[in-house]
Every structure is written in structure tokens, then in C-alpha cells.
């Protein structure tokens, strides 16, 4: 599976909380994620920034993203009685970029998780 297919699969499954109504979905966002990232890159919605030093060590090929204001959206859902539950939905730009990096580096992440004793999940 290529990283583009992984990116599409991750975002198609959705990152919305289960409490939201079924009208909120991310299937189309996942299907078109690669084209959306290409358009964002062409329109300079985000840019790559090489990381000089991270945690006092030079990291090879380390980078970060420069993104404009991307605050999460807060939706207030009713609970029992007069209580409310705030649900934060992340902005799609950082969510998409995070999933892009996860899909590109999935083998490294998988190897690292396999070495960890505290990781219960089979990856």
C-alpha cells in the first residue's frame, strides 16, 4: 500500500468524534486528500520549515510546518441534566499534514512500536 493510499484510508475513516451526527463525515476528504494537499502546497497554505535543533540534538531530515491560524472548532453537546460536553474538532490542515507524515513514515513507526514493551496493539 502506497503512502497516498494510506493517507486516503486514514482520513476516510474519519477523525470526527463519534458523538457528532452522521451528517458529519470525512469520507470525501480522505478520497481527495492527495489533491487537496497538492492544491494547498501550490497556493502556499503551508510551507516546510527545516528544524535546526530539536531537543538539543541535530536531527537528520527534521522539518516542521508553517501554517496560518488553525484553531480547533468547539461544538457543545448536551449531556445529562444541564451539563454540556465540549467537543473539539481539529482544523483540517494540521490534521491532513499529520496524517501525511504518518503515512509516509509508517514503516519506521511500525518498527519503533514493535520494539516497545508497553505497546499492546499488534501493528
C-alpha atoms as a PDB file:
ATOM      1  CA  UNK A   1       0.000   0.000   0.000  1.00  0.00           C
ATOM      2  CA  UNK A   2       1.499   3.345  -1.032  1.00  0.00           C
ATOM      3  CA  UNK A   3       1.612   6.320   1.302  1.00  0.00           C
ATOM      4  CA  UNK A   4      -1.102   8.020  -0.760  1.00  0.00           C
ATOM      5  CA  UNK A   5      -3.405   5.044  -0.261  1.00  0.00           C
ATOM      6  CA  UNK A   6      -2.600   5.013   3.463  1.00  0.00           C
ATOM      7  CA  UNK A   7      -3.318   8.737   3.712  1.00  0.00           C
ATOM      8  CA  UNK A   8      -6.645   8.270   1.976  1.00  0.00           C
ATOM      9  CA  UNK A   9      -7.534   5.319   4.220  1.00  0.00           C
ATOM     10  CA  UNK A  10      -6.638   7.159   7.441  1.00  0.00           C
ATOM     11  CA  UNK A  11      -8.595  10.282   6.582  1.00  0.00           C
ATOM     12  CA  UNK A  12     -11.552   8.401   5.072  1.00  0.00           C
ATOM     13  CA  UNK A  13     -12.122   6.544   8.322  1.00  0.00           C
ATOM     14  CA  UNK A  14     -12.564   9.912   9.926  1.00  0.00           C
ATOM     15  CA  UNK A  15     -11.189  11.862  12.784  1.00  0.00           C
ATOM     16  CA  UNK A  16     -14.543  13.211  13.943  1.00  0.00           C
ATOM     17  CA  UNK A  17     -15.784  12.163  17.386  1.00  0.00           C
ATOM     18  CA  UNK A  18     -18.497   9.510  17.434  1.00  0.00           C
ATOM     19  CA  UNK A  19     -20.867  11.877  19.252  1.00  0.00           C
ATOM     20  CA  UNK A  20     -21.329  14.042  16.163  1.00  0.00           C
ATOM     21  CA  UNK A  21     -24.382  13.431  13.970  1.00  0.00           C
ATOM     22  CA  UNK A  22     -23.935  11.161  10.956  1.00  0.00           C
ATOM     23  CA  UNK A  23     -24.114  14.152   8.598  1.00  0.00           C
ATOM     24  CA  UNK A  24     -20.531  14.962   9.588  1.00  0.00           C
ATOM     25  CA  UNK A  25     -18.249  12.688   7.595  1.00  0.00           C
ATOM     26  CA  UNK A  26     -14.707  12.653   6.270  1.00  0.00           C
ATOM     27  CA  UNK A  27     -15.008  10.061   3.510  1.00  0.00           C
ATOM     28  CA  UNK A  28     -14.780  12.593   0.650  1.00  0.00           C
ATOM     29  CA  UNK A  29     -11.955  14.428   2.415  1.00  0.00           C
ATOM     30  CA  UNK A  30      -9.974  11.188   2.584  1.00  0.00           C
ATOM     31  CA  UNK A  31     -10.656  10.277  -1.030  1.00  0.00           C
ATOM     32  CA  UNK A  32      -9.447  13.664  -2.297  1.00  0.00           C
ATOM     33  CA  UNK A  33      -6.755  14.264   0.362  1.00  0.00           C
ATOM     34  CA  UNK A  34      -3.806  13.994  -2.030  1.00  0.00           C
ATOM     35  CA  UNK A  35      -5.274  16.538  -4.460  1.00  0.00           C
ATOM     36  CA  UNK A  36      -6.173  18.836  -1.566  1.00  0.00           C
ATOM     37  CA  UNK A  37      -2.603  18.753  -0.223  1.00  0.00           C
ATOM     38  CA  UNK A  38      -1.240  19.498  -3.702  1.00  0.00           C
ATOM     39  CA  UNK A  39      -3.595  22.489  -4.014  1.00  0.00           C
ATOM     40  CA  UNK A  40      -2.655  23.747  -0.542  1.00  0.00           C
ATOM     41  CA  UNK A  41       1.033  23.426  -1.421  1.00  0.00           C
ATOM     42  CA  UNK A  42       0.536  25.280  -4.733  1.00  0.00           C
ATOM     43  CA  UNK A  43      -1.442  28.057  -3.013  1.00  0.00           C
ATOM     44  CA  UNK A  44       1.146  28.246  -0.210  1.00  0.00           C
ATOM     45  CA  UNK A  45      -1.349  27.499   2.533  1.00  0.00           C
ATOM     46  CA  UNK A  46       1.513  25.798   4.376  1.00  0.00           C
ATOM     47  CA  UNK A  47       5.245  25.551   3.908  1.00  0.00           C
ATOM     48  CA  UNK A  48       8.040  23.325   5.181  1.00  0.00           C
ATOM     49  CA  UNK A  49      10.488  24.679   7.699  1.00  0.00           C
ATOM     50  CA  UNK A  50      13.747  22.814   8.338  1.00  0.00           C
ATOM     51  CA  UNK A  51      14.261  22.252  12.048  1.00  0.00           C
ATOM     52  CA  UNK A  52      17.646  23.492  13.201  1.00  0.00           C
ATOM     53  CA  UNK A  53      17.831  21.784  16.542  1.00  0.00           C
ATOM     54  CA  UNK A  54      15.255  19.682  18.278  1.00  0.00           C
ATOM     55  CA  UNK A  55      15.810  18.768  21.918  1.00  0.00           C
ATOM     56  CA  UNK A  56      19.455  19.934  21.821  1.00  0.00           C
ATOM     57  CA  UNK A  57      20.352  17.396  19.134  1.00  0.00           C
ATOM     58  CA  UNK A  58      20.671  17.825  15.411  1.00  0.00           C
ATOM     59  CA  UNK A  59      18.028  15.660  13.836  1.00  0.00           C
ATOM     60  CA  UNK A  60      18.699  14.486  10.311  1.00  0.00           C
ATOM     61  CA  UNK A  61      15.985  15.428   7.813  1.00  0.00           C
ATOM     62  CA  UNK A  62      13.886  17.021  10.563  1.00  0.00           C
ATOM     63  CA  UNK A  63      11.345  19.600   9.496  1.00  0.00           C
ATOM     64  CA  UNK A  64       8.236  21.373  10.658  1.00  0.00           C
ATOM     65  CA  UNK A  65       5.334  23.112   9.009  1.00  0.00           C
ATOM     66  CA  UNK A  66       4.495  26.785   8.909  1.00  0.00           C
ATOM     67  CA  UNK A  67       0.718  27.055   8.902  1.00  0.00           C
ATOM     68  CA  UNK A  68      -1.520  30.065   9.403  1.00  0.00           C
ATOM     69  CA  UNK A  69      -4.115  30.317  12.157  1.00  0.00           C
ATOM     70  CA  UNK A  70      -5.672  26.891  12.592  1.00  0.00           C
ATOM     71  CA  UNK A  71      -7.762  26.808  15.735  1.00  0.00           C
ATOM     72  CA  UNK A  72      -9.995  23.888  16.560  1.00  0.00           C
ATOM     73  CA  UNK A  73     -13.762  24.216  16.338  1.00  0.00           C
ATOM     74  CA  UNK A  74     -15.661  23.679  19.586  1.00  0.00           C
ATOM     75  CA  UNK A  75     -19.096  22.089  19.454  1.00  0.00           C
ATOM     76  CA  UNK A  76     -21.128  21.939  22.653  1.00  0.00           C
ATOM     77  CA  UNK A  77     -23.180  18.754  23.023  1.00  0.00           C
ATOM     78  CA  UNK A  78     -25.825  18.219  25.724  1.00  0.00           C
ATOM     79  CA  UNK A  79     -25.264  15.645  28.445  1.00  0.00           C
ATOM     80  CA  UNK A  80     -27.444  14.630  31.370  1.00  0.00           C
ATOM     81  CA  UNK A  81     -29.309  17.362  33.140  1.00  0.00           C
ATOM     82  CA  UNK A  82     -27.896  20.787  32.459  1.00  0.00           C
ATOM     83  CA  UNK A  83     -24.372  19.625  31.721  1.00  0.00           C
ATOM     84  CA  UNK A  84     -22.696  20.201  28.371  1.00  0.00           C
ATOM     85  CA  UNK A  85     -19.777  18.443  26.757  1.00  0.00           C
ATOM     86  CA  UNK A  86     -17.393  20.406  24.569  1.00  0.00           C
ATOM     87  CA  UNK A  87     -16.078  18.508  21.568  1.00  0.00           C
ATOM     88  CA  UNK A  88     -13.047  19.932  19.772  1.00  0.00           C
ATOM     89  CA  UNK A  89     -12.683  19.249  16.069  1.00  0.00           C
ATOM     90  CA  UNK A  90      -9.222  19.923  14.730  1.00  0.00           C
ATOM     91  CA  UNK A  91      -8.662  22.117  11.708  1.00  0.00           C
ATOM     92  CA  UNK A  92      -8.280  20.007   8.535  1.00  0.00           C
ATOM     93  CA  UNK A  93      -4.887  21.458   7.528  1.00  0.00           C
ATOM     94  CA  UNK A  94      -2.810  20.237  10.513  1.00  0.00           C
ATOM     95  CA  UNK A  95      -4.844  17.021  10.642  1.00  0.00           C
ATOM     96  CA  UNK A  96      -4.090  16.317   6.985  1.00  0.00           C
ATOM     97  CA  UNK A  97      -0.388  17.144   7.375  1.00  0.00           C
ATOM     98  CA  UNK A  98      -0.108  14.905  10.443  1.00  0.00           C
ATOM     99  CA  UNK A  99      -1.744  12.016   8.576  1.00  0.00           C
ATOM    100  CA  UNK A 100       0.539  12.668   5.592  1.00  0.00           C
ATOM    101  CA  UNK A 101       3.634  12.322   7.783  1.00  0.00           C
ATOM    102  CA  UNK A 102       2.206   9.216   9.465  1.00  0.00           C
ATOM    103  CA  UNK A 103       1.509   7.571   6.122  1.00  0.00           C
ATOM    104  CA  UNK A 104       4.944   8.451   4.698  1.00  0.00           C
ATOM    105  CA  UNK A 105       6.783   7.166   7.778  1.00  0.00           C
ATOM    106  CA  UNK A 106       4.516   4.238   8.619  1.00  0.00           C
ATOM    107  CA  UNK A 107       7.223   1.558   8.369  1.00  0.00           C
ATOM    108  CA  UNK A 108       9.516   3.430  10.767  1.00  0.00           C
ATOM    109  CA  UNK A 109       6.652   3.998  13.190  1.00  0.00           C
ATOM    110  CA  UNK A 110       5.644   0.356  12.954  1.00  0.00           C
ATOM    111  CA  UNK A 111       9.207  -0.839  13.672  1.00  0.00           C
ATOM    112  CA  UNK A 112       9.505   1.510  16.642  1.00  0.00           C
ATOM    113  CA  UNK A 113       6.180   0.361  18.115  1.00  0.00           C
ATOM    114  CA  UNK A 114       7.131  -3.301  17.725  1.00  0.00           C
ATOM    115  CA  UNK A 115      10.214  -2.717  19.894  1.00  0.00           C
ATOM    116  CA  UNK A 116       8.241  -1.136  22.722  1.00  0.00           C
ATOM    117  CA  UNK A 117       7.262  -3.361  25.615  1.00  0.00           C
ATOM    118  CA  UNK A 118       4.369  -1.161  26.650  1.00  0.00           C
ATOM    119  CA  UNK A 119       2.653  -1.283  23.246  1.00  0.00           C
ATOM    120  CA  UNK A 120      -0.124  -3.863  23.438  1.00  0.00           C
ATOM    121  CA  UNK A 121      -1.574  -3.390  19.971  1.00  0.00           C
ATOM    122  CA  UNK A 122      -0.431  -5.508  17.065  1.00  0.00           C
ATOM    123  CA  UNK A 123       0.630  -3.157  14.294  1.00  0.00           C
END
